[in-house]
């Protein structure tokens, strides 16, 4: 067995490679998770905008009602 083969087959090199592959896999998994969330947001943006508009309208109505009752308006 050559010196290069001894180095490549050493426990330290195998452990280093395994650690590198774990690191690489973790980054790939994080990217896929973020990409899935982004695609979900893009696909449901119309629903999101409509939901936000409804919440804004409800908030505006509540504030307007509170202002009117504060100043004694009907």
N, C-alpha and C. Protein backbone atom coordinates (compact mmCIF):
# COMPACT_ATOMS: atom_id res chain seq x y z
N UNK A 1 0.85 -1.18 0.00
CA UNK A 1 0.00 0.00 0.00
C UNK A 1 0.90 1.24 0.00
N UNK A 2 0.54 2.20 -0.86
CA UNK A 2 1.36 3.40 -0.96
C UNK A 2 1.02 4.38 0.16
N UNK A 3 1.86 5.36 0.30
CA UNK A 3 1.64 6.37 1.34
C UNK A 3 0.34 7.13 1.07
N UNK A 4 0.06 7.44 -0.20
CA UNK A 4 -1.17 8.16 -0.54
C UNK A 4 -2.41 7.33 -0.17
N UNK A 5 -2.37 6.03 -0.44
CA UNK A 5 -3.49 5.17 -0.08
C UNK A 5 -3.66 5.11 1.43
N UNK A 6 -2.55 5.08 2.15
CA UNK A 6 -2.62 5.07 3.62
C UNK A 6 -3.27 6.35 4.14
N UNK A 7 -2.91 7.46 3.53
CA UNK A 7 -3.49 8.74 3.95
C UNK A 7 -4.98 8.77 3.63
N UNK A 8 -5.36 8.38 2.40
CA UNK A 8 -6.75 8.41 1.98
C UNK A 8 -7.63 7.49 2.83
N UNK A 9 -7.07 6.39 3.29
CA UNK A 9 -7.82 5.42 4.07
C UNK A 9 -7.73 5.66 5.57
N UNK A 10 -7.06 6.71 5.98
CA UNK A 10 -6.90 6.96 7.40
C UNK A 10 -8.21 7.39 8.04
N UNK A 11 -8.34 7.15 9.32
CA UNK A 11 -9.54 7.52 10.06
C UNK A 11 -9.75 9.03 10.04
N UNK A 12 -8.68 9.79 10.16
CA UNK A 12 -8.78 11.26 10.18
C UNK A 12 -9.36 11.78 8.88
N UNK A 13 -8.90 11.26 7.76
CA UNK A 13 -9.39 11.71 6.46
C UNK A 13 -10.85 11.30 6.27
N UNK A 14 -11.20 10.10 6.65
CA UNK A 14 -12.60 9.65 6.55
C UNK A 14 -13.51 10.51 7.42
N UNK A 15 -13.08 10.81 8.64
CA UNK A 15 -13.87 11.65 9.54
C UNK A 15 -14.01 13.07 9.01
N UNK A 16 -12.92 13.60 8.47
CA UNK A 16 -12.96 14.94 7.89
C UNK A 16 -13.95 14.97 6.73
N UNK A 17 -13.87 13.98 5.84
CA UNK A 17 -14.77 13.93 4.69
C UNK A 17 -16.22 13.80 5.14
N UNK A 18 -16.46 12.97 6.14
CA UNK A 18 -17.82 12.80 6.64
C UNK A 18 -18.35 14.11 7.23
N UNK A 19 -17.51 14.81 7.97
CA UNK A 19 -17.90 16.11 8.52
C UNK A 19 -18.20 17.11 7.42
N UNK A 20 -17.38 17.12 6.38
CA UNK A 20 -17.60 18.01 5.24
C UNK A 20 -18.93 17.68 4.56
N UNK A 21 -19.22 16.41 4.39
CA UNK A 21 -20.47 16.01 3.75
C UNK A 21 -21.68 16.38 4.60
N UNK A 22 -21.54 16.30 5.93
CA UNK A 22 -22.62 16.74 6.83
C UNK A 22 -22.85 18.24 6.65
N UNK A 23 -21.78 19.01 6.64
CA UNK A 23 -21.87 20.45 6.45
C UNK A 23 -22.53 20.79 5.12
N UNK A 24 -22.11 20.12 4.07
CA UNK A 24 -22.66 20.35 2.74
C UNK A 24 -24.14 19.98 2.70
N UNK A 25 -24.49 18.85 3.29
CA UNK A 25 -25.88 18.41 3.32
C UNK A 25 -26.77 19.35 4.11
N UNK A 26 -26.25 19.89 5.21
CA UNK A 26 -27.02 20.84 6.02
C UNK A 26 -27.32 22.11 5.23
N UNK A 27 -26.35 22.59 4.47
CA UNK A 27 -26.57 23.78 3.66
C UNK A 27 -27.58 23.50 2.55
N UNK A 28 -27.50 22.35 1.95
CA UNK A 28 -28.46 21.97 0.90
C UNK A 28 -29.87 21.89 1.48
N UNK A 29 -30.01 21.29 2.66
CA UNK A 29 -31.32 21.17 3.31
C UNK A 29 -31.88 22.54 3.66
N UNK A 30 -31.03 23.44 4.16
CA UNK A 30 -31.48 24.80 4.50
C UNK A 30 -31.93 25.55 3.25
N UNK A 31 -31.20 25.38 2.17
CA UNK A 31 -31.57 26.03 0.90
C UNK A 31 -32.91 25.51 0.41
N UNK A 32 -33.11 24.20 0.46
CA UNK A 32 -34.37 23.62 0.00
C UNK A 32 -35.54 24.09 0.86
N UNK A 33 -35.32 24.19 2.16
CA UNK A 33 -36.36 24.67 3.06
C UNK A 33 -36.72 26.12 2.75
N UNK A 34 -35.72 26.95 2.57
CA UNK A 34 -35.97 28.36 2.24
C UNK A 34 -36.62 28.50 0.88
N UNK A 35 -36.19 27.71 -0.07
CA UNK A 35 -36.75 27.77 -1.41
C UNK A 35 -38.22 27.36 -1.40
N UNK A 36 -38.55 26.33 -0.64
CA UNK A 36 -39.94 25.89 -0.53
C UNK A 36 -40.82 26.96 0.09
N UNK A 37 -40.32 27.63 1.12
CA UNK A 37 -41.08 28.71 1.75
C UNK A 37 -41.28 29.88 0.80
N UNK A 38 -40.26 30.20 0.03
CA UNK A 38 -40.35 31.30 -0.93
C UNK A 38 -41.36 30.97 -2.03
N UNK A 39 -41.30 29.75 -2.54
CA UNK A 39 -42.24 29.34 -3.58
C UNK A 39 -43.68 29.36 -3.06
N UNK A 40 -43.86 28.94 -1.82
CA UNK A 40 -45.19 28.96 -1.21
C UNK A 40 -45.70 30.40 -1.11
N UNK A 41 -44.83 31.32 -0.72
CA UNK A 41 -45.20 32.73 -0.62
C UNK A 41 -45.56 33.29 -1.99
N UNK A 42 -44.76 32.98 -3.00
CA UNK A 42 -45.02 33.48 -4.35
C UNK A 42 -46.34 32.93 -4.87
N UNK A 43 -46.59 31.65 -4.63
CA UNK A 43 -47.81 31.02 -5.14
C UNK A 43 -49.06 31.52 -4.42
N UNK A 44 -48.93 31.96 -3.19
CA UNK A 44 -50.10 32.39 -2.44
C UNK A 44 -50.12 33.90 -2.20
N UNK A 45 -49.40 34.65 -3.00
CA UNK A 45 -49.29 36.10 -2.76
C UNK A 45 -50.63 36.81 -2.93
N UNK A 46 -51.46 36.36 -3.85
CA UNK A 46 -52.76 37.01 -4.03
C UNK A 46 -53.62 36.82 -2.78
N UNK A 47 -53.61 35.62 -2.23
CA UNK A 47 -54.34 35.37 -0.99
C UNK A 47 -53.77 36.21 0.15
N UNK A 48 -52.45 36.31 0.21
CA UNK A 48 -51.81 37.10 1.25
C UNK A 48 -52.19 38.56 1.15
N UNK A 49 -52.16 39.12 -0.06
CA UNK A 49 -52.52 40.52 -0.26
C UNK A 49 -53.98 40.74 0.12
N UNK A 50 -54.86 39.86 -0.29
CA UNK A 50 -56.28 40.00 0.04
C UNK A 50 -56.50 39.94 1.54
N UNK A 51 -55.81 39.02 2.20
CA UNK A 51 -55.92 38.90 3.66
C UNK A 51 -55.44 40.18 4.35
N UNK A 52 -54.32 40.72 3.88
CA UNK A 52 -53.80 41.96 4.48
C UNK A 52 -54.73 43.14 4.23
N UNK A 53 -55.34 43.20 3.05
CA UNK A 53 -56.30 44.27 2.75
C UNK A 53 -57.50 44.17 3.69
N UNK A 54 -58.00 42.97 3.89
CA UNK A 54 -59.14 42.78 4.79
C UNK A 54 -58.80 43.19 6.22
N UNK A 55 -57.62 42.81 6.68
CA UNK A 55 -57.20 43.18 8.04
C UNK A 55 -57.02 44.69 8.16
N UNK A 56 -56.47 45.30 7.13
CA UNK A 56 -56.31 46.76 7.14
C UNK A 56 -57.64 47.48 7.15
N UNK A 57 -58.59 46.98 6.37
CA UNK A 57 -59.92 47.58 6.33
C UNK A 57 -60.62 47.45 7.69
N UNK A 58 -60.47 46.30 8.31
CA UNK A 58 -61.08 46.09 9.63
C UNK A 58 -60.45 47.03 10.66
N UNK A 59 -59.14 47.19 10.58
CA UNK A 59 -58.45 48.08 11.51
C UNK A 59 -58.86 49.52 11.29
N UNK A 60 -58.98 49.93 10.02
CA UNK A 60 -59.41 51.29 9.70
C UNK A 60 -60.81 51.55 10.24
N UNK A 61 -61.69 50.58 10.07
CA UNK A 61 -63.06 50.72 10.56
C UNK A 61 -63.09 50.86 12.09
N UNK A 62 -62.29 50.08 12.78
CA UNK A 62 -62.23 50.15 14.24
C UNK A 62 -61.70 51.50 14.70
N UNK A 63 -60.64 51.96 14.07
CA UNK A 63 -60.05 53.25 14.44
C UNK A 63 -61.03 54.38 14.16
N UNK A 64 -61.68 54.34 13.01
CA UNK A 64 -62.64 55.39 12.66
C UNK A 64 -63.79 55.41 13.67
N UNK A 65 -64.27 54.26 14.06
CA UNK A 65 -65.33 54.16 15.05
C UNK A 65 -64.88 54.74 16.39
N UNK A 66 -63.65 54.41 16.80
CA UNK A 66 -63.12 54.93 18.07
C UNK A 66 -62.94 56.45 18.03
N UNK A 67 -62.49 56.98 16.91
CA UNK A 67 -62.31 58.43 16.77
C UNK A 67 -63.67 59.11 16.82
N UNK A 68 -64.62 58.55 16.12
CA UNK A 68 -65.98 59.15 16.11
C UNK A 68 -66.60 59.13 17.49
N UNK A 69 -66.46 58.03 18.21
CA UNK A 69 -67.05 57.97 19.54
C UNK A 69 -66.31 58.89 20.51
N UNK A 70 -65.04 59.11 20.33
CA UNK A 70 -64.26 60.02 21.18
C UNK A 70 -64.73 61.46 21.00
N UNK A 71 -64.99 61.82 19.76
CA UNK A 71 -65.43 63.19 19.48
C UNK A 71 -66.95 63.34 19.49
N UNK A 72 -67.66 62.29 19.85
CA UNK A 72 -69.12 62.35 19.99
C UNK A 72 -69.84 62.38 18.68
N UNK A 73 -69.23 61.86 17.63
CA UNK A 73 -69.90 61.81 16.32
C UNK A 73 -70.60 60.47 16.17
N UNK A 74 -71.61 60.46 15.35
CA UNK A 74 -72.34 59.21 15.11
C UNK A 74 -71.94 58.63 13.78
